[in-house]
C-alpha atoms as a PDB file:
ATOM      1  CA  MET A   1      28.226  23.437   3.452  1.00  0.00           C
ATOM      2  CA  LYS A   2      28.490  20.617   0.910  1.00  0.00           C
ATOM      3  CA  PRO A   3      24.956  19.403   0.189  1.00  0.00           C
ATOM      4  CA  PHE A   4      23.677  16.040   1.367  1.00  0.00           C
ATOM      5  CA  ASN A   5      21.900  14.606  -1.688  1.00  0.00           C
ATOM      6  CA  ILE A   6      18.815  12.429  -1.210  1.00  0.00           C
ATOM      7  CA  TYR A   7      17.078  10.663  -4.091  1.00  0.00           C
ATOM      8  CA  ILE A   8      13.685   9.146  -3.249  1.00  0.00           C
ATOM      9  CA  SER A   9      11.972   6.750  -5.628  1.00  0.00           C
ATOM     10  CA  GLY A  10       8.820   4.673  -5.664  1.00  0.00           C
ATOM     11  CA  VAL A  11       5.316   4.638  -7.087  1.00  0.00           C
ATOM     12  CA  GLY A  12       2.245   6.791  -6.701  1.00  0.00           C
ATOM     13  CA  GLY A  13       0.407   6.583  -3.402  1.00  0.00           C
ATOM     14  CA  GLN A  14       3.406   5.681  -1.242  1.00  0.00           C
ATOM     15  CA  GLY A  15       3.817   9.145   0.279  1.00  0.00           C
ATOM     16  CA  ILE A  16       7.100  10.030  -1.404  1.00  0.00           C
ATOM     17  CA  ILE A  17       6.336  13.709  -1.934  1.00  0.00           C
ATOM     18  CA  LYS A  18       5.027  14.106   1.610  1.00  0.00           C
ATOM     19  CA  THR A  19       8.250  12.534   2.912  1.00  0.00           C
ATOM     20  CA  SER A  20      10.274  15.072   0.932  1.00  0.00           C
ATOM     21  CA  ILE A  21       8.171  17.949   2.274  1.00  0.00           C
ATOM     22  CA  VAL A  22       8.713  16.761   5.856  1.00  0.00           C
ATOM     23  CA  MET A  23      12.483  16.620   5.253  1.00  0.00           C
ATOM     24  CA  GLY A  24      12.543  19.987   3.490  1.00  0.00           C
ATOM     25  CA  GLU A  25      10.640  21.734   6.255  1.00  0.00           C
ATOM     26  CA  ALA A  26      12.858  20.129   8.914  1.00  0.00           C
ATOM     27  CA  ALA A  27      15.927  21.444   7.064  1.00  0.00           C
ATOM     28  CA  MET A  28      14.442  24.959   6.981  1.00  0.00           C
ATOM     29  CA  LYS A  29      13.635  24.793  10.706  1.00  0.00           C
ATOM     30  CA  MET A  30      17.300  23.973  11.301  1.00  0.00           C
ATOM     31  CA  GLY A  31      18.378  26.924   9.162  1.00  0.00           C
ATOM     32  CA  LYS A  32      19.860  24.696   6.460  1.00  0.00           C
ATOM     33  CA  PRO A  33      19.473  25.599   2.786  1.00  0.00           C
ATOM     34  CA  VAL A  34      17.358  23.046   0.906  1.00  0.00           C
ATOM     35  CA  VAL A  35      16.160  22.595  -2.663  1.00  0.00           C
ATOM     36  CA  MET A  36      13.783  19.968  -3.984  1.00  0.00           C
ATOM     37  CA  SER A  37      12.595  18.624  -7.313  1.00  0.00           C
ATOM     38  CA  GLU A  38       9.802  16.135  -7.954  1.00  0.00           C
ATOM     39  CA  VAL A  39       8.591  13.949 -10.795  1.00  0.00           C
ATOM     40  CA  HIS A  40       5.168  12.423 -10.631  1.00  0.00           C
ATOM     41  CA  GLY A  41       3.796  11.149 -13.909  1.00  0.00           C
ATOM     42  CA  MET A  42       0.859   8.782 -13.766  1.00  0.00           C
ATOM     43  CA  ALA A  43       1.124   8.643  -9.996  1.00  0.00           C
ATOM     44  CA  GLN A  44      -2.534   7.862  -9.376  1.00  0.00           C
ATOM     45  CA  ARG A  45      -2.166   4.731 -11.491  1.00  0.00           C
ATOM     46  CA  GLY A  46       0.850   3.422  -9.621  1.00  0.00           C
ATOM     47  CA  GLY A  47       3.303   5.188 -11.913  1.00  0.00           C
ATOM     48  CA  VAL A  48       6.824   6.304 -11.118  1.00  0.00           C
ATOM     49  CA  VAL A  49       7.330   9.036  -8.517  1.00  0.00           C
ATOM     50  CA  SER A  50      10.696  10.452  -7.540  1.00  0.00           C
ATOM     51  CA  THR A  51      11.989  13.432  -5.622  1.00  0.00           C
ATOM     52  CA  GLU A  52      15.459  14.887  -5.270  1.00  0.00           C
ATOM     53  CA  LEU A  53      16.537  16.892  -2.231  1.00  0.00           C
ATOM     54  CA  LYS A  54      19.772  18.698  -1.592  1.00  0.00           C
ATOM     55  CA  ILE A  55      20.278  19.810   1.987  1.00  0.00           C
ATOM     56  CA  GLY A  56      23.065  22.375   2.007  1.00  0.00           C
ATOM     57  CA  SER A  57      24.342  24.962  -0.477  1.00  0.00           C
ATOM     58  CA  SER A  58      23.307  24.147  -4.023  1.00  0.00           C
ATOM     59  CA  ARG A  59      22.288  25.914  -7.204  1.00  0.00           C
ATOM     60  CA  SER A  60      20.116  23.141  -8.602  1.00  0.00           C
ATOM     61  CA  PRO A  61      17.784  20.542  -7.077  1.00  0.00           C
ATOM     62  CA  ILE A  62      18.803  17.931  -9.648  1.00  0.00           C
ATOM     63  CA  ILE A  63      21.259  15.316  -8.388  1.00  0.00           C
ATOM     64  CA  GLN A  64      23.909  14.434 -10.950  1.00  0.00           C
ATOM     65  CA  ASN A  65      24.311  10.766 -11.790  1.00  0.00           C
ATOM     66  CA  GLY A  66      26.528   9.104  -9.218  1.00  0.00           C
ATOM     67  CA  HIS A  67      26.175  11.899  -6.657  1.00  0.00           C
ATOM     68  CA  ALA A  68      23.386  10.745  -4.311  1.00  0.00           C
ATOM     69  CA  ASP A  69      24.484  10.337  -0.705  1.00  0.00           C
ATOM     70  CA  LEU A  70      21.293   8.431   0.049  1.00  0.00           C
ATOM     71  CA  LEU A  71      18.858   6.504  -2.136  1.00  0.00           C
ATOM     72  CA  LEU A  72      15.565   5.965  -0.347  1.00  0.00           C
ATOM     73  CA  ALA A  73      13.637   3.415  -2.415  1.00  0.00           C
ATOM     74  CA  PHE A  74      10.026   2.740  -1.497  1.00  0.00           C
ATOM     75  CA  GLU A  75       9.756  -0.007  -4.152  1.00  0.00           C
ATOM     76  CA  PRO A  76      12.468  -2.501  -5.248  1.00  0.00           C
ATOM     77  CA  LEU A  77      12.201  -2.125  -9.024  1.00  0.00           C
ATOM     78  CA  GLU A  78      12.236   1.672  -8.675  1.00  0.00           C
ATOM     79  CA  ALA A  79      15.465   1.321  -6.679  1.00  0.00           C
ATOM     80  CA  LEU A  80      16.995  -0.436  -9.661  1.00  0.00           C
ATOM     81  CA  ARG A  81      15.701   2.262 -11.980  1.00  0.00           C
ATOM     82  CA  ALA A  82      17.496   4.865  -9.809  1.00  0.00           C
ATOM     83  CA  ILE A  83      20.794   2.982  -9.503  1.00  0.00           C
ATOM     84  CA  HIS A  84      22.549   5.496 -11.777  1.00  0.00           C
ATOM     85  CA  LYS A  85      22.202   8.111  -9.000  1.00  0.00           C
ATOM     86  CA  ILE A  86      24.407   6.255  -6.493  1.00  0.00           C
ATOM     87  CA  ASN A  87      28.114   5.540  -6.092  1.00  0.00           C
ATOM     88  CA  ARG A  88      30.335   3.399  -3.856  1.00  0.00           C
ATOM     89  CA  ASN A  89      29.962   5.944  -1.027  1.00  0.00           C
ATOM     90  CA  SER A  90      26.149   6.054  -1.164  1.00  0.00           C
ATOM     91  CA  TYR A  91      23.783   4.571   1.369  1.00  0.00           C
ATOM     92  CA  VAL A  92      20.687   2.770   0.104  1.00  0.00           C
ATOM     93  CA  ILE A  93      17.530   1.978   2.052  1.00  0.00           C
ATOM     94  CA  ILE A  94      15.094  -0.229   0.177  1.00  0.00           C
ATOM     95  CA  ASN A  95      11.611  -1.409   1.048  1.00  0.00           C
ATOM     96  CA  THR A  96      11.652  -5.047  -0.087  1.00  0.00           C
ATOM     97  CA  SER A  97       7.862  -5.313  -0.632  1.00  0.00           C
ATOM     98  CA  PRO A  98       7.235  -5.041  -4.384  1.00  0.00           C
ATOM     99  CA  ILE A  99       4.311  -3.392  -6.135  1.00  0.00           C
ATOM    100  CA  MET A 100       3.677  -5.185  -9.393  1.00  0.00           C
ATOM    101  CA  PRO A 101       3.706  -2.677 -12.282  1.00  0.00           C
ATOM    102  CA  PHE A 102       0.700  -3.049 -14.555  1.00  0.00           C
ATOM    103  CA  ASN A 103       2.935  -3.318 -17.638  1.00  0.00           C
ATOM    104  CA  ILE A 104       4.715  -6.368 -16.146  1.00  0.00           C
ATOM    105  CA  SER A 105       1.567  -8.058 -14.858  1.00  0.00           C
ATOM    106  CA  GLU A 106       0.096  -7.851 -18.368  1.00  0.00           C
ATOM    107  CA  SER A 107       3.215  -8.965 -20.243  1.00  0.00           C
ATOM    108  CA  LYS A 108       5.372 -12.056 -20.748  1.00  0.00           C
ATOM    109  CA  TYR A 109       8.083 -10.553 -18.494  1.00  0.00           C
ATOM    110  CA  SER A 110       8.274 -11.335 -14.809  1.00  0.00           C
ATOM    111  CA  TYR A 111       9.196  -9.135 -11.863  1.00  0.00           C
ATOM    112  CA  PRO A 112      12.917  -9.597 -11.083  1.00  0.00           C
ATOM    113  CA  ASP A 113      13.820 -11.703  -8.071  1.00  0.00           C
ATOM    114  CA  ILE A 114      14.355  -9.425  -5.036  1.00  0.00           C
ATOM    115  CA  SER A 115      17.691 -11.103  -4.272  1.00  0.00           C
ATOM    116  CA  ILE A 116      19.014 -10.044  -7.693  1.00  0.00           C
ATOM    117  CA  ILE A 117      17.910  -6.445  -7.107  1.00  0.00           C
ATOM    118  CA  LEU A 118      19.553  -6.413  -3.675  1.00  0.00           C
ATOM    119  CA  GLU A 119      22.779  -7.931  -5.007  1.00  0.00           C
ATOM    120  CA  GLU A 120      23.010  -5.273  -7.729  1.00  0.00           C
ATOM    121  CA  LEU A 121      22.365  -2.396  -5.296  1.00  0.00           C
ATOM    122  CA  ASN A 122      24.791  -3.797  -2.740  1.00  0.00           C
ATOM    123  CA  SER A 123      27.563  -4.012  -5.344  1.00  0.00           C
ATOM    124  CA  LYS A 124      27.136  -0.336  -6.250  1.00  0.00           C
ATOM    125  CA  SER A 125      26.776   1.247  -2.784  1.00  0.00           C
ATOM    126  CA  LYS A 126      28.621   1.701   0.493  1.00  0.00           C
ATOM    127  CA  LYS A 127      25.867   0.141   2.595  1.00  0.00           C
ATOM    128  CA  LEU A 128      22.509  -1.378   1.704  1.00  0.00           C
ATOM    129  CA  TYR A 129      19.695  -1.549   4.236  1.00  0.00           C
ATOM    130  CA  ALA A 130      16.936  -3.888   3.034  1.00  0.00           C
ATOM    131  CA  ILE A 131      13.818  -3.643   5.189  1.00  0.00           C
ATOM    132  CA  ASP A 132      10.263  -4.915   4.805  1.00  0.00           C
ATOM    133  CA  GLY A 133       8.766  -1.455   5.184  1.00  0.00           C
ATOM    134  CA  VAL A 134       5.218  -2.623   4.502  1.00  0.00           C
ATOM    135  CA  LYS A 135       5.394  -5.202   7.295  1.00  0.00           C
ATOM    136  CA  ILE A 136       6.828  -2.594   9.682  1.00  0.00           C
ATOM    137  CA  ALA A 137       4.130  -0.063   8.690  1.00  0.00           C
ATOM    138  CA  LYS A 138       1.356  -2.596   9.288  1.00  0.00           C
ATOM    139  CA  LYS A 139       2.875  -3.460  12.662  1.00  0.00           C
ATOM    140  CA  ALA A 140       2.922   0.258  13.526  1.00  0.00           C
ATOM    141  CA  GLY A 141      -0.792   0.473  12.765  1.00  0.00           C
ATOM    142  CA  HIS A 142      -1.380   1.196   9.055  1.00  0.00           C
ATOM    143  CA  ILE A 143       0.209   0.412   5.687  1.00  0.00           C
ATOM    144  CA  LEU A 144       0.029   4.102   4.747  1.00  0.00           C
ATOM    145  CA  SER A 145       2.699   4.854   7.359  1.00  0.00           C
ATOM    146  CA  LEU A 146       5.299   3.236   5.055  1.00  0.00           C
ATOM    147  CA  ASN A 147       6.714   6.660   4.218  1.00  0.00           C
ATOM    148  CA  MET A 148       7.388   7.356   7.892  1.00  0.00           C
ATOM    149  CA  VAL A 149       9.096   3.956   8.227  1.00  0.00           C
ATOM    150  CA  MET A 150      11.388   4.959   5.369  1.00  0.00           C
ATOM    151  CA  LEU A 151      11.972   8.437   6.833  1.00  0.00           C
ATOM    152  CA  GLY A 152      12.853   6.907  10.203  1.00  0.00           C
ATOM    153  CA  GLY A 153      15.305   4.627   8.428  1.00  0.00           C
ATOM    154  CA  ALA A 154      16.850   7.573   6.602  1.00  0.00           C
ATOM    155  CA  SER A 155      17.383   9.419   9.885  1.00  0.00           C
ATOM    156  CA  ALA A 156      19.505   6.510  11.160  1.00  0.00           C
ATOM    157  CA  VAL A 157      21.987   6.644   8.259  1.00  0.00           C
ATOM    158  CA  PRO A 158      25.471   7.924   9.168  1.00  0.00           C
ATOM    159  CA  GLY A 159      25.856  11.576   8.214  1.00  0.00           C
ATOM    160  CA  PHE A 160      22.127  12.233   7.772  1.00  0.00           C
ATOM    161  CA  PRO A 161      21.945  16.015   8.250  1.00  0.00           C
ATOM    162  CA  LEU A 162      18.566  16.407   9.975  1.00  0.00           C
ATOM    163  CA  ASP A 163      17.994  16.251  13.714  1.00  0.00           C
ATOM    164  CA  GLU A 164      15.522  13.574  14.842  1.00  0.00           C
ATOM    165  CA  LYS A 165      13.680  15.970  17.178  1.00  0.00           C
ATOM    166  CA  ILE A 166      13.186  18.531  14.367  1.00  0.00           C
ATOM    167  CA  LEU A 167      12.044  15.795  11.967  1.00  0.00           C
ATOM    168  CA  ILE A 168       9.397  14.756  14.491  1.00  0.00           C
ATOM    169  CA  GLU A 169       8.242  18.390  14.761  1.00  0.00           C
ATOM    170  CA  SER A 170       7.964  18.505  10.971  1.00  0.00           C
ATOM    171  CA  ILE A 171       5.982  15.240  10.944  1.00  0.00           C
ATOM    172  CA  LYS A 172       3.554  16.745  13.464  1.00  0.00           C
ATOM    173  CA  ASP A 173       3.211  19.882  11.324  1.00  0.00           C
ATOM    174  CA  ASN A 174       2.520  17.977   8.086  1.00  0.00           C
ATOM    175  CA  LEU A 175       0.493  14.883   8.937  1.00  0.00           C
ATOM    176  CA  PRO A 176      -3.103  14.631  10.175  1.00  0.00           C
ATOM    177  CA  GLN A 177      -3.508  14.632  13.945  1.00  0.00           C
ATOM    178  CA  LYS A 178      -5.592  11.428  13.848  1.00  0.00           C
ATOM    179  CA  SER A 179      -2.717   9.444  12.302  1.00  0.00           C
ATOM    180  CA  LEU A 180       0.160  10.891  14.351  1.00  0.00           C
ATOM    181  CA  ILE A 181       0.493   8.054  16.872  1.00  0.00           C
ATOM    182  CA  THR A 182       0.756   5.484  14.074  1.00  0.00           C
ATOM    183  CA  ASN A 183       3.130   7.613  11.997  1.00  0.00           C
ATOM    184  CA  LEU A 184       5.438   8.405  14.913  1.00  0.00           C
ATOM    185  CA  LYS A 185       5.547   4.725  15.835  1.00  0.00           C
ATOM    186  CA  ALA A 186       6.352   3.884  12.196  1.00  0.00           C
ATOM    187  CA  PHE A 187       9.143   6.496  12.205  1.00  0.00           C
ATOM    188  CA  LYS A 188      10.660   5.006  15.371  1.00  0.00           C
ATOM    189  CA  GLU A 189      10.437   1.436  14.012  1.00  0.00           C
ATOM    190  CA  GLY A 190      12.073   2.523  10.750  1.00  0.00           C
ATOM    191  CA  PHE A 191      14.909   4.136  12.706  1.00  0.00           C
ATOM    192  CA  ILE A 192      15.416   0.949  14.733  1.00  0.00           C
ATOM    193  CA  SER A 193      15.372  -1.269  11.628  1.00  0.00           C
ATOM    194  CA  VAL A 194      18.264   0.642  10.040  1.00  0.00           C
ATOM    195  CA  SER A 195      20.265   1.390  13.196  1.00  0.00           C
ATOM    196  CA  GLU A 196      20.453  -2.275  14.307  1.00  0.00           C
END
């Protein structure tokens, strides 16, 4: 089975690693081979966090440049930083709510206009889904459910290899019971926002 390559990018505190764990465990429940790699530098300070998942037969968790089937970007500028991972057949889901990096807020440089970021990503991918994940998460009940909004969106992408029912089982296994209603609602809203 040719692997389905997923690159997830964002900043610390957005739940990127937890999202990858949920996907990885869902793949294992379905009997699919999965490998994962993660980078989390100064994550507690809002630093860069990224994970790479390959669902299917693979010898390495690292996705070669230009080989991601899906870029799941929790933060717009981090989507741009990961643009080298995609190609004209890649799908991109981007949360359009920016998190201002401390090095930009304290410098003479400004955060790029979101429309420029979206235009660049759209020109390099098969299909771009731009969603206000923070707004959707708040509507679902809590901003911290952003990662489930993004996961729900991912599950709506054509060719996504994980079954929705198994993903929901994996969410239930990995997230606190007290937040499940909010997170499952966020997942559903994310799915709807990409499938429309």
